[in-house]
Amino acid sequence: MLSPCVARCGLNDENYCMGCLRHLDEIVAWRDCSETVQLAIIAKLPARKARFAGKSNQHSLSRAKWIASQTRLAEHKQTLPEPDID
């Protein structure tokens, strides 16, 4: 699945990209996520858009933040959870 990236990267204080509205961990893990998880992330974006309306980028999406997220996910052997589907 294609990434929802819009090439306007900039993080808020909660590490959400104000361009695509994904959390940094979601961005880093995107290519390793199942399509089900990717679709669940995309489903959350409209609510995030409303939540962050009028807010602006506070921080750049630096290589250091990217590596820190990769390291955190790897150390905890975390992946993004599969959503509950009824």
PDB file of N, CA and C in Angstrom:
ATOM      1  N   MET A   1       0.841  -1.173   0.000  1.00  0.00           N
ATOM      2  CA  MET A   1       0.000   0.000   0.000  1.00  0.00           C
ATOM      3  C   MET A   1       0.890   1.241   0.000  1.00  0.00           C
ATOM      4  N   LEU A   2       0.476   2.244  -0.715  1.00  0.00           N
ATOM      5  CA  LEU A   2       1.241   3.482  -0.749  1.00  0.00           C
ATOM      6  C   LEU A   2       1.158   4.205   0.589  1.00  0.00           C
ATOM      7  N   SER A   3       2.221   4.866   0.922  1.00  0.00           N
ATOM      8  CA  SER A   3       2.276   5.662   2.143  1.00  0.00           C
ATOM      9  C   SER A   3       1.400   6.903   1.988  1.00  0.00           C
ATOM     10  N   PRO A   4       0.766   7.351   3.073  1.00  0.00           N
ATOM     11  CA  PRO A   4      -0.013   8.585   3.014  1.00  0.00           C
ATOM     12  C   PRO A   4       0.854   9.848   3.133  1.00  0.00           C
ATOM     13  N   CYS A   5       2.169   9.694   3.045  1.00  0.00           N
ATOM     14  CA  CYS A   5       3.080  10.834   3.148  1.00  0.00           C
ATOM     15  C   CYS A   5       2.744  11.878   2.085  1.00  0.00           C
ATOM     16  N   VAL A   6       2.745  13.141   2.501  1.00  0.00           N
ATOM     17  CA  VAL A   6       2.491  14.245   1.573  1.00  0.00           C
ATOM     18  C   VAL A   6       3.718  15.152   1.447  1.00  0.00           C
ATOM     19  N   ALA A   7       4.865  14.668   1.946  1.00  0.00           N
ATOM     20  CA  ALA A   7       6.144  15.383   1.858  1.00  0.00           C
ATOM     21  C   ALA A   7       6.086  16.770   2.494  1.00  0.00           C
ATOM     22  N   ARG A   8       5.386  16.874   3.612  1.00  0.00           N
ATOM     23  CA  ARG A   8       5.339  18.104   4.418  1.00  0.00           C
ATOM     24  C   ARG A   8       5.662  17.743   5.858  1.00  0.00           C
ATOM     25  N   CYS A   9       6.739  17.025   6.029  1.00  0.00           N
ATOM     26  CA  CYS A   9       7.082  16.478   7.331  1.00  0.00           C
ATOM     27  C   CYS A   9       7.413  17.562   8.343  1.00  0.00           C
ATOM     28  N   GLY A  10       6.867  17.421   9.500  1.00  0.00           N
ATOM     29  CA  GLY A  10       7.128  18.271  10.643  1.00  0.00           C
ATOM     30  C   GLY A  10       6.341  17.725  11.806  1.00  0.00           C
ATOM     31  N   LEU A  11       6.992  17.512  12.912  1.00  0.00           N
ATOM     32  CA  LEU A  11       6.347  16.877  14.055  1.00  0.00           C
ATOM     33  C   LEU A  11       5.809  17.886  15.048  1.00  0.00           C
ATOM     34  N   ASN A  12       4.694  17.524  15.682  1.00  0.00           N
ATOM     35  CA  ASN A  12       4.209  18.335  16.796  1.00  0.00           C
ATOM     36  C   ASN A  12       4.860  17.810  18.085  1.00  0.00           C
ATOM     37  N   ASP A  13       4.456  18.337  19.213  1.00  0.00           N
ATOM     38  CA  ASP A  13       5.066  17.936  20.489  1.00  0.00           C
ATOM     39  C   ASP A  13       4.781  16.488  20.865  1.00  0.00           C
ATOM     40  N   GLU A  14       3.775  15.877  20.235  1.00  0.00           N
ATOM     41  CA  GLU A  14       3.429  14.486  20.519  1.00  0.00           C
ATOM     42  C   GLU A  14       4.036  13.525  19.491  1.00  0.00           C
ATOM     43  N   ASN A  15       4.907  14.023  18.638  1.00  0.00           N
ATOM     44  CA  ASN A  15       5.563  13.238  17.576  1.00  0.00           C
ATOM     45  C   ASN A  15       4.603  12.754  16.498  1.00  0.00           C
ATOM     46  N   TYR A  16       3.562  13.539  16.224  1.00  0.00           N
ATOM     47  CA  TYR A  16       2.705  13.295  15.068  1.00  0.00           C
ATOM     48  C   TYR A  16       3.153  14.218  13.953  1.00  0.00           C
ATOM     49  N   CYS A  17       3.274  13.660  12.746  1.00  0.00           N
ATOM     50  CA  CYS A  17       3.628  14.468  11.584  1.00  0.00           C
ATOM     51  C   CYS A  17       2.420  15.332  11.221  1.00  0.00           C
ATOM     52  N   MET A  18       2.630  16.614  11.083  1.00  0.00           N
ATOM     53  CA  MET A  18       1.536  17.509  10.754  1.00  0.00           C
ATOM     54  C   MET A  18       1.239  17.518   9.263  1.00  0.00           C
ATOM     55  N   GLY A  19       2.028  16.789   8.492  1.00  0.00           N
ATOM     56  CA  GLY A  19       1.743  16.629   7.073  1.00  0.00           C
ATOM     57  C   GLY A  19       0.799  15.460   6.836  1.00  0.00           C
ATOM     58  N   CYS A  20       1.231  14.250   7.217  1.00  0.00           N
ATOM     59  CA  CYS A  20       0.423  13.043   6.961  1.00  0.00           C
ATOM     60  C   CYS A  20      -0.400  12.611   8.172  1.00  0.00           C
ATOM     61  N   LEU A  21      -0.140  13.201   9.327  1.00  0.00           N
ATOM     62  CA  LEU A  21      -0.887  12.957  10.566  1.00  0.00           C
ATOM     63  C   LEU A  21      -0.619  11.604  11.212  1.00  0.00           C
ATOM     64  N   ARG A  22       0.448  10.934  10.771  1.00  0.00           N
ATOM     65  CA  ARG A  22       0.830   9.675  11.415  1.00  0.00           C
ATOM     66  C   ARG A  22       1.815   9.956  12.535  1.00  0.00           C
ATOM     67  N   HIS A  23       1.808   9.085  13.544  1.00  0.00           N
ATOM     68  CA  HIS A  23       2.784   9.163  14.619  1.00  0.00           C
ATOM     69  C   HIS A  23       4.135   8.715  14.065  1.00  0.00           C
ATOM     70  N   LEU A  24       5.205   9.212  14.649  1.00  0.00           N
ATOM     71  CA  LEU A  24       6.541   8.856  14.192  1.00  0.00           C
ATOM     72  C   LEU A  24       6.733   7.342  14.140  1.00  0.00           C
ATOM     73  N   ASP A  25       6.256   6.623  15.145  1.00  0.00           N
ATOM     74  CA  ASP A  25       6.396   5.167  15.147  1.00  0.00           C
ATOM     75  C   ASP A  25       5.636   4.528  13.982  1.00  0.00           C
ATOM     76  N   GLU A  26       4.488   5.093  13.629  1.00  0.00           N
ATOM     77  CA  GLU A  26       3.727   4.580  12.486  1.00  0.00           C
ATOM     78  C   GLU A  26       4.476   4.822  11.179  1.00  0.00           C
ATOM     79  N   ILE A  27       5.128   5.963  11.079  1.00  0.00           N
ATOM     80  CA  ILE A  27       5.902   6.288   9.879  1.00  0.00           C
ATOM     81  C   ILE A  27       7.073   5.319   9.738  1.00  0.00           C
ATOM     82  N   VAL A  28       7.804   5.140  10.823  1.00  0.00           N
ATOM     83  CA  VAL A  28       8.987   4.277  10.799  1.00  0.00           C
ATOM     84  C   VAL A  28       8.598   2.830  10.499  1.00  0.00           C
ATOM     85  N   ALA A  29       7.510   2.353  11.073  1.00  0.00           N
ATOM     86  CA  ALA A  29       7.110   0.958  10.925  1.00  0.00           C
ATOM     87  C   ALA A  29       6.275   0.689   9.671  1.00  0.00           C
ATOM     88  N   TRP A  30       5.885   1.723   8.942  1.00  0.00           N
ATOM     89  CA  TRP A  30       4.934   1.608   7.837  1.00  0.00           C
ATOM     90  C   TRP A  30       5.242   0.459   6.873  1.00  0.00           C
ATOM     91  N   ARG A  31       6.455   0.395   6.387  1.00  0.00           N
ATOM     92  CA  ARG A  31       6.767  -0.606   5.354  1.00  0.00           C
ATOM     93  C   ARG A  31       6.740  -2.044   5.891  1.00  0.00           C
ATOM     94  N   ASP A  32       6.837  -2.204   7.197  1.00  0.00           N
ATOM     95  CA  ASP A  32       6.806  -3.537   7.796  1.00  0.00           C
ATOM     96  C   ASP A  32       5.416  -3.931   8.288  1.00  0.00           C
ATOM     97  N   CYS A  33       4.470  -3.008   8.229  1.00  0.00           N
ATOM     98  CA  CYS A  33       3.113  -3.282   8.711  1.00  0.00           C
ATOM     99  C   CYS A  33       2.318  -4.050   7.665  1.00  0.00           C
ATOM    100  N   SER A  34       1.401  -4.849   8.157  1.00  0.00           N
ATOM    101  CA  SER A  34       0.476  -5.531   7.250  1.00  0.00           C
ATOM    102  C   SER A  34      -0.464  -4.496   6.639  1.00  0.00           C
ATOM    103  N   GLU A  35      -1.098  -4.880   5.554  1.00  0.00           N
ATOM    104  CA  GLU A  35      -2.062  -3.975   4.922  1.00  0.00           C
ATOM    105  C   GLU A  35      -3.214  -3.662   5.879  1.00  0.00           C
ATOM    106  N   THR A  36      -3.583  -4.621   6.711  1.00  0.00           N
ATOM    107  CA  THR A  36      -4.648  -4.410   7.699  1.00  0.00           C
ATOM    108  C   THR A  36      -4.273  -3.297   8.665  1.00  0.00           C
ATOM    109  N   VAL A  37      -3.038  -3.319   9.150  1.00  0.00           N
ATOM    110  CA  VAL A  37      -2.571  -2.267  10.067  1.00  0.00           C
ATOM    111  C   VAL A  37      -2.488  -0.940   9.329  1.00  0.00           C
ATOM    112  N   GLN A  38      -1.977  -0.944   8.112  1.00  0.00           N
ATOM    113  CA  GLN A  38      -1.888   0.290   7.338  1.00  0.00           C
ATOM    114  C   GLN A  38      -3.276   0.908   7.132  1.00  0.00           C
ATOM    115  N   LEU A  39      -4.253   0.070   6.799  1.00  0.00           N
ATOM    116  CA  LEU A  39      -5.619   0.578   6.619  1.00  0.00           C
ATOM    117  C   LEU A  39      -6.188   1.127   7.924  1.00  0.00           C
ATOM    118  N   ALA A  40      -5.861   0.493   9.042  1.00  0.00           N
ATOM    119  CA  ALA A  40      -6.321   0.980  10.346  1.00  0.00           C
ATOM    120  C   ALA A  40      -5.714   2.345  10.654  1.00  0.00           C
ATOM    121  N   ILE A  41      -4.448   2.533  10.303  1.00  0.00           N
ATOM    122  CA  ILE A  41      -3.792   3.831  10.504  1.00  0.00           C
ATOM    123  C   ILE A  41      -4.482   4.886   9.643  1.00  0.00           C
ATOM    124  N   ILE A  42      -4.695   4.550   8.387  1.00  0.00           N
ATOM    125  CA  ILE A  42      -5.344   5.496   7.477  1.00  0.00           C
ATOM    126  C   ILE A  42      -6.739   5.866   7.976  1.00  0.00           C
ATOM    127  N   ALA A  43      -7.445   4.908   8.560  1.00  0.00           N
ATOM    128  CA  ALA A  43      -8.790   5.173   9.084  1.00  0.00           C
ATOM    129  C   ALA A  43      -8.774   6.184  10.229  1.00  0.00           C
ATOM    130  N   LYS A  44      -7.656   6.287  10.933  1.00  0.00           N
ATOM    131  CA  LYS A  44      -7.541   7.219  12.056  1.00  0.00           C
ATOM    132  C   LYS A  44      -7.230   8.651  11.613  1.00  0.00           C
ATOM    133  N   LEU A  45      -6.800   8.823  10.382  1.00  0.00           N
ATOM    134  CA  LEU A  45      -6.309  10.132   9.945  1.00  0.00           C
ATOM    135  C   LEU A  45      -7.365  11.237   9.946  1.00  0.00           C
ATOM    136  N   PRO A  46      -8.620  10.990   9.538  1.00  0.00           N
ATOM    137  CA  PRO A  46      -9.607  12.080   9.593  1.00  0.00           C
ATOM    138  C   PRO A  46      -9.822  12.628  11.012  1.00  0.00           C
ATOM    139  N   ALA A  47      -9.867  11.756  12.003  1.00  0.00           N
ATOM    140  CA  ALA A  47     -10.042  12.211  13.392  1.00  0.00           C
ATOM    141  C   ALA A  47      -8.832  13.013  13.840  1.00  0.00           C
ATOM    142  N   ARG A  48      -7.655  12.571  13.432  1.00  0.00           N
ATOM    143  CA  ARG A  48      -6.439  13.312  13.786  1.00  0.00           C
ATOM    144  C   ARG A  48      -6.426  14.671  13.108  1.00  0.00           C
ATOM    145  N   LYS A  49      -6.899  14.731  11.875  1.00  0.00           N
ATOM    146  CA  LYS A  49      -6.947  16.011  11.165  1.00  0.00           C
ATOM    147  C   LYS A  49      -7.804  17.001  11.945  1.00  0.00           C
ATOM    148  N   ALA A  50      -8.945  16.531  12.431  1.00  0.00           N
ATOM    149  CA  ALA A  50      -9.814  17.396  13.238  1.00  0.00           C
ATOM    150  C   ALA A  50      -9.139  17.780  14.550  1.00  0.00           C
ATOM    151  N   ARG A  51      -8.498  16.823  15.177  1.00  0.00           N
ATOM    152  CA  ARG A  51      -7.825  17.064  16.466  1.00  0.00           C
ATOM    153  C   ARG A  51      -6.714  18.092  16.347  1.00  0.00           C
ATOM    154  N   PHE A  52      -5.964  18.034  15.260  1.00  0.00           N
ATOM    155  CA  PHE A  52      -4.809  18.911  15.104  1.00  0.00           C
ATOM    156  C   PHE A  52      -5.092  20.154  14.262  1.00  0.00           C
ATOM    157  N   ALA A  53      -6.344  20.395  13.921  1.00  0.00           N
ATOM    158  CA  ALA A  53      -6.694  21.556  13.102  1.00  0.00           C
ATOM    159  C   ALA A  53      -6.172  22.842  13.748  1.00  0.00           C
ATOM    160  N   GLY A  54      -5.509  23.649  12.954  1.00  0.00           N
ATOM    161  CA  GLY A  54      -4.981  24.911  13.441  1.00  0.00           C
ATOM    162  C   GLY A  54      -3.653  24.810  14.161  1.00  0.00           C
ATOM    163  N   LYS A  55      -3.160  23.604  14.365  1.00  0.00           N
ATOM    164  CA  LYS A  55      -1.871  23.410  15.040  1.00  0.00           C
ATOM    165  C   LYS A  55      -0.762  23.445  13.993  1.00  0.00           C
ATOM    166  N   SER A  56       0.453  23.647  14.451  1.00  0.00           N
ATOM    167  CA  SER A  56       1.564  23.725  13.504  1.00  0.00           C
ATOM    168  C   SER A  56       2.699  22.804  13.923  1.00  0.00           C
ATOM    169  N   ASN A  57       3.623  22.632  12.993  1.00  0.00           N
ATOM    170  CA  ASN A  57       4.818  21.838  13.262  1.00  0.00           C
ATOM    171  C   ASN A  57       5.633  22.514  14.351  1.00  0.00           C
ATOM    172  N   GLN A  58       6.163  21.714  15.229  1.00  0.00           N
ATOM    173  CA  GLN A  58       7.037  22.238  16.273  1.00  0.00           C
ATOM    174  C   GLN A  58       8.477  21.780  16.079  1.00  0.00           C
ATOM    175  N   HIS A  59       8.641  20.625  15.426  1.00  0.00           N
ATOM    176  CA  HIS A  59       9.962  20.024  15.309  1.00  0.00           C
ATOM    177  C   HIS A  59      10.117  19.403  13.925  1.00  0.00           C
ATOM    178  N   SER A  60      11.319  19.374  13.447  1.00  0.00           N
ATOM    179  CA  SER A  60      11.565  18.702  12.178  1.00  0.00           C
ATOM    180  C   SER A  60      11.648  17.199  12.396  1.00  0.00           C
ATOM    181  N   LEU A  61      11.392  16.464  11.348  1.00  0.00           N
ATOM    182  CA  LEU A  61      11.526  15.011  11.392  1.00  0.00           C
ATOM    183  C   LEU A  61      12.970  14.703  11.050  1.00  0.00           C
ATOM    184  N   SER A  62      13.791  14.684  12.063  1.00  0.00           N
ATOM    185  CA  SER A  62      15.229  14.520  11.875  1.00  0.00           C
ATOM    186  C   SER A  62      15.612  13.050  11.783  1.00  0.00           C
ATOM    187  N   ARG A  63      16.776  12.816  11.245  1.00  0.00           N
ATOM    188  CA  ARG A  63      17.324  11.457  11.178  1.00  0.00           C
ATOM    189  C   ARG A  63      17.501  10.885  12.587  1.00  0.00           C
ATOM    190  N   ALA A  64      17.879  11.743  13.530  1.00  0.00           N
ATOM    191  CA  ALA A  64      18.066  11.299  14.914  1.00  0.00           C
ATOM    192  C   ALA A  64      16.748  10.791  15.514  1.00  0.00           C
ATOM    193  N   LYS A  65      15.648  11.499  15.259  1.00  0.00           N
ATOM    194  CA  LYS A  65      14.346  11.046  15.768  1.00  0.00           C
ATOM    195  C   LYS A  65      13.944   9.738  15.101  1.00  0.00           C
ATOM    196  N   TRP A  66      14.231   9.623  13.814  1.00  0.00           N
ATOM    197  CA  TRP A  66      13.914   8.394  13.071  1.00  0.00           C
ATOM    198  C   TRP A  66      14.650   7.208  13.688  1.00  0.00           C
ATOM    199  N   ILE A  67      15.955   7.371  13.903  1.00  0.00           N
ATOM    200  CA  ILE A  67      16.774   6.298  14.469  1.00  0.00           C
ATOM    201  C   ILE A  67      16.319   5.958  15.889  1.00  0.00           C
ATOM    202  N   ALA A  68      15.969   6.967  16.674  1.00  0.00           N
ATOM    203  CA  ALA A  68      15.490   6.720  18.038  1.00  0.00           C
ATOM    204  C   ALA A  68      14.210   5.892  18.015  1.00  0.00           C
ATOM    205  N   SER A  69      13.325   6.182  17.076  1.00  0.00           N
ATOM    206  CA  SER A  69      12.088   5.412  16.962  1.00  0.00           C
ATOM    207  C   SER A  69      12.382   3.979  16.520  1.00  0.00           C
ATOM    208  N   GLN A  70      13.263   3.802  15.537  1.00  0.00           N
ATOM    209  CA  GLN A  70      13.655   2.462  15.099  1.00  0.00           C
ATOM    210  C   GLN A  70      14.232   1.660  16.258  1.00  0.00           C
ATOM    211  N   THR A  71      15.083   2.294  17.018  1.00  0.00           N
ATOM    212  CA  THR A  71      15.732   1.636  18.152  1.00  0.00           C
ATOM    213  C   THR A  71      14.704   1.243  19.204  1.00  0.00           C
ATOM    214  N   ARG A  72      13.793   2.167  19.522  1.00  0.00           N
ATOM    215  CA  ARG A  72      12.753   1.888  20.522  1.00  0.00           C
ATOM    216  C   ARG A  72      11.889   0.708  20.079  1.00  0.00           C
ATOM    217  N   LEU A  73      11.483   0.701  18.834  1.00  0.00           N
ATOM    218  CA  LEU A  73      10.652  -0.394  18.334  1.00  0.00           C
ATOM    219  C   LEU A  73      11.415  -1.714  18.351  1.00  0.00           C
ATOM    220  N   ALA A  74      12.690  -1.682  17.960  1.00  0.00           N
ATOM    221  CA  ALA A  74      13.501  -2.900  17.921  1.00  0.00           C
ATOM    222  C   ALA A  74      13.801  -3.436  19.317  1.00  0.00           C
ATOM    223  N   GLU A  75      14.122  -2.540  20.255  1.00  0.00           N
ATOM    224  CA  GLU A  75      14.451  -2.971  21.615  1.00  0.00           C
ATOM    225  C   GLU A  75      13.278  -3.667  22.282  1.00  0.00           C
ATOM    226  N   HIS A  76      12.109  -3.187  21.983  1.00  0.00           N
ATOM    227  CA  HIS A  76      10.914  -3.767  22.590  1.00  0.00           C
ATOM    228  C   HIS A  76      10.271  -4.795  21.665  1.00  0.00           C
ATOM    229  N   LYS A  77      10.974  -5.057  20.539  1.00  0.00           N
ATOM    230  CA  LYS A  77      10.458  -5.977  19.529  1.00  0.00           C
ATOM    231  C   LYS A  77       9.005  -5.660  19.223  1.00  0.00           C
ATOM    232  N   GLN A  78       8.744  -4.377  19.127  1.00  0.00           N
ATOM    233  CA  GLN A  78       7.383  -3.928  18.906  1.00  0.00           C
ATOM    234  C   GLN A  78       7.082  -3.823  17.420  1.00  0.00           C
ATOM    235  N   THR A  79       5.871  -4.139  17.121  1.00  0.00           N
ATOM    236  CA  THR A  79       5.298  -3.801  15.837  1.00  0.00           C
ATOM    237  C   THR A  79       3.983  -3.130  16.175  1.00  0.00           C
ATOM    238  N   LEU A  80       3.421  -2.497  15.215  1.00  0.00           N
ATOM    239  CA  LEU A  80       2.127  -1.889  15.465  1.00  0.00           C
ATOM    240  C   LEU A  80       1.097  -3.011  15.531  1.00  0.00           C
ATOM    241  N   PRO A  81       0.211  -2.955  16.509  1.00  0.00           N
ATOM    242  CA  PRO A  81      -0.733  -4.062  16.704  1.00  0.00           C
ATOM    243  C   PRO A  81      -1.752  -4.155  15.578  1.00  0.00           C
ATOM    244  N   GLU A  82      -2.167  -5.378  15.317  1.00  0.00           N
ATOM    245  CA  GLU A  82      -3.263  -5.586  14.373  1.00  0.00           C
ATOM    246  C   GLU A  82      -4.542  -5.034  15.014  1.00  0.00           C
ATOM    247  N   PRO A  83      -5.366  -4.347  14.248  1.00  0.00           N
ATOM    248  CA  PRO A  83      -6.599  -3.812  14.828  1.00  0.00           C
ATOM    249  C   PRO A  83      -7.616  -4.925  15.086  1.00  0.00           C
ATOM    250  N   ASP A  84      -8.509  -4.670  16.025  1.00  0.00           N
ATOM    251  CA  ASP A  84      -9.596  -5.606  16.263  1.00  0.00           C
ATOM    252  C   ASP A  84     -10.603  -5.452  15.136  1.00  0.00           C
ATOM    253  N   ILE A  85     -10.941  -6.555  14.508  1.00  0.00           N
ATOM    254  CA  ILE A  85     -11.905  -6.524  13.412  1.00  0.00           C
ATOM    255  C   ILE A  85     -13.055  -7.434  13.804  1.00  0.00           C
ATOM    256  N   ASP A  86     -14.236  -6.862  13.816  1.00  0.00           N
ATOM    257  CA  ASP A  86     -15.437  -7.643  14.174  1.00  0.00           C
ATOM    258  C   ASP A  86     -16.105  -8.168  12.948  1.00  0.00           C
TER     259      ASP A  86
END
